C-alpha atoms as a PDB file:
ATOM      1  CA  MET A   1     -21.938  -6.477   2.677  1.00  0.00           C
ATOM      2  CA  LYS A   2     -19.404  -7.942   0.309  1.00  0.00           C
ATOM      3  CA  ASP A   3     -19.805  -7.531  -3.419  1.00  0.00           C
ATOM      4  CA  THR A   4     -18.402  -9.883  -5.998  1.00  0.00           C
ATOM      5  CA  MET A   5     -16.089  -8.514  -8.643  1.00  0.00           C
ATOM      6  CA  SER A   6     -14.520 -10.053 -11.690  1.00  0.00           C
ATOM      7  CA  ILE A   7     -11.072  -9.049 -12.857  1.00  0.00           C
ATOM      8  CA  ARG A   8      -8.965 -10.078 -15.798  1.00  0.00           C
ATOM      9  CA  LEU A   9      -5.356 -10.946 -15.164  1.00  0.00           C
ATOM     10  CA  PRO A  10      -2.633 -11.901 -17.612  1.00  0.00           C
ATOM     11  CA  LYS A  11      -1.823 -15.624 -17.519  1.00  0.00           C
ATOM     12  CA  ASP A  12       1.586 -15.050 -15.922  1.00  0.00           C
ATOM     13  CA  LEU A  13       0.075 -12.964 -13.116  1.00  0.00           C
ATOM     14  CA  GLN A  14      -2.593 -15.629 -12.543  1.00  0.00           C
ATOM     15  CA  ARG A  15       0.134 -18.260 -12.303  1.00  0.00           C
ATOM     16  CA  GLN A  16       2.116 -16.181  -9.818  1.00  0.00           C
ATOM     17  CA  LEU A  17      -1.022 -15.505  -7.770  1.00  0.00           C
ATOM     18  CA  ASN A  18      -1.785 -19.223  -7.600  1.00  0.00           C
ATOM     19  CA  ILE A  19       1.766 -19.988  -6.463  1.00  0.00           C
ATOM     20  CA  VAL A  20       1.706 -17.353  -3.727  1.00  0.00           C
ATOM     21  CA  ALA A  21      -1.770 -18.398  -2.533  1.00  0.00           C
ATOM     22  CA  LYS A  22      -0.623 -22.002  -2.168  1.00  0.00           C
ATOM     23  CA  ARG A  23       2.650 -21.027  -0.498  1.00  0.00           C
ATOM     24  CA  GLU A  24       0.877 -18.671   1.941  1.00  0.00           C
ATOM     25  CA  ASN A  25      -1.962 -21.155   2.496  1.00  0.00           C
ATOM     26  CA  THR A  26      -4.569 -18.507   1.725  1.00  0.00           C
ATOM     27  CA  THR A  27      -7.039 -17.665  -1.006  1.00  0.00           C
ATOM     28  CA  LYS A  28      -6.433 -15.596  -4.092  1.00  0.00           C
ATOM     29  CA  SER A  29      -9.280 -13.334  -2.978  1.00  0.00           C
ATOM     30  CA  GLU A  30      -7.590 -12.664   0.348  1.00  0.00           C
ATOM     31  CA  LEU A  31      -4.291 -11.861  -1.352  1.00  0.00           C
ATOM     32  CA  ILE A  32      -6.004  -9.453  -3.743  1.00  0.00           C
ATOM     33  CA  ARG A  33      -7.963  -7.795  -0.899  1.00  0.00           C
ATOM     34  CA  ASP A  34      -4.755  -7.365   1.105  1.00  0.00           C
ATOM     35  CA  ALA A  35      -2.939  -5.915  -1.911  1.00  0.00           C
ATOM     36  CA  LEU A  36      -5.764  -3.425  -2.513  1.00  0.00           C
ATOM     37  CA  VAL A  37      -5.847  -2.350   1.131  1.00  0.00           C
ATOM     38  CA  ARG A  38      -2.080  -1.765   1.065  1.00  0.00           C
ATOM     39  CA  TYR A  39      -2.253   0.088  -2.277  1.00  0.00           C
ATOM     40  CA  ILE A  40      -5.059   2.367  -1.106  1.00  0.00           C
ATOM     41  CA  ALA A  41      -3.279   3.067   2.199  1.00  0.00           C
ATOM     42  CA  ALA A  42      -0.053   3.928   0.345  1.00  0.00           C
ATOM     43  CA  LYS A  43      -1.891   6.287  -2.009  1.00  0.00           C
ATOM     44  CA  HIS A  44      -3.636   7.950   0.945  1.00  0.00           C
ATOM     45  CA  PHE A  45      -0.292   8.382   2.709  1.00  0.00           C
ATOM     46  CA  GLN A  46       1.247   9.913  -0.432  1.00  0.00           C
ATOM     47  CA  GLN A  47      -1.637  12.397  -0.699  1.00  0.00           C
ATOM     48  CA  LEU A  48      -1.275  13.414   2.957  1.00  0.00           C
ATOM     49  CA  ARG A  49       2.491  13.712   2.584  1.00  0.00           C
ATOM     50  CA  ARG A  50       2.084  16.054  -0.394  1.00  0.00           C
ATOM     51  CA  LYS A  51      -0.256  18.238   1.672  1.00  0.00           C
ATOM     52  CA  VAL A  52       1.992  18.528   4.731  1.00  0.00           C
ATOM     53  CA  LEU A  53       5.375  18.600   2.992  1.00  0.00           C
ATOM     54  CA  PRO A  54       5.406  22.394   2.448  1.00  0.00           C
ATOM     55  CA  PHE A  55       4.695  22.973   6.161  1.00  0.00           C
ATOM     56  CA  ALA A  56       7.390  20.495   7.193  1.00  0.00           C
ATOM     57  CA  GLU A  57       9.927  22.136   4.894  1.00  0.00           C
ATOM     58  CA  ILE A  58       9.202  25.526   6.466  1.00  0.00           C
ATOM     59  CA  GLN A  59      10.040  23.982   9.848  1.00  0.00           C
ATOM     60  CA  GLY A  60      13.264  22.541   8.428  1.00  0.00           C
ATOM     61  CA  LEU A  61      11.995  18.956   8.490  1.00  0.00           C
ATOM     62  CA  LEU A  62      13.494  17.583   5.309  1.00  0.00           C
ATOM     63  CA  THR A  63      14.508  14.038   6.264  1.00  0.00           C
ATOM     64  CA  ASP A  64      13.296  11.246   8.532  1.00  0.00           C
ATOM     65  CA  GLU A  65      16.256  12.020  10.783  1.00  0.00           C
ATOM     66  CA  ASP A  66      15.039  15.629  11.147  1.00  0.00           C
ATOM     67  CA  ILE A  67      11.650  14.389  12.265  1.00  0.00           C
ATOM     68  CA  PHE A  68      13.087  11.828  14.708  1.00  0.00           C
ATOM     69  CA  ARG A  69      15.346  14.495  16.216  1.00  0.00           C
ATOM     70  CA  THR A  70      12.380  16.846  16.639  1.00  0.00           C
ATOM     71  CA  ILE A  71      10.091  14.355  18.345  1.00  0.00           C
ATOM     72  CA  SER A  72      12.783  12.740  20.510  1.00  0.00           C
END
């Protein structure tokens, strides 16, 4: 079930949101939902990365290239 929320945005951010919604032919609600999903996913990824980073470093996996080399 969807809940309704109210948020306060500065005028400039409201203006930018309106412009993007019109340009993308979507609703402001959909843009905000998408932004929240992306934000939450990024935060989750950062938390997981912090947890596994010490184990990766022990294995010598310090860069993306190290990881690609290992799994290739």
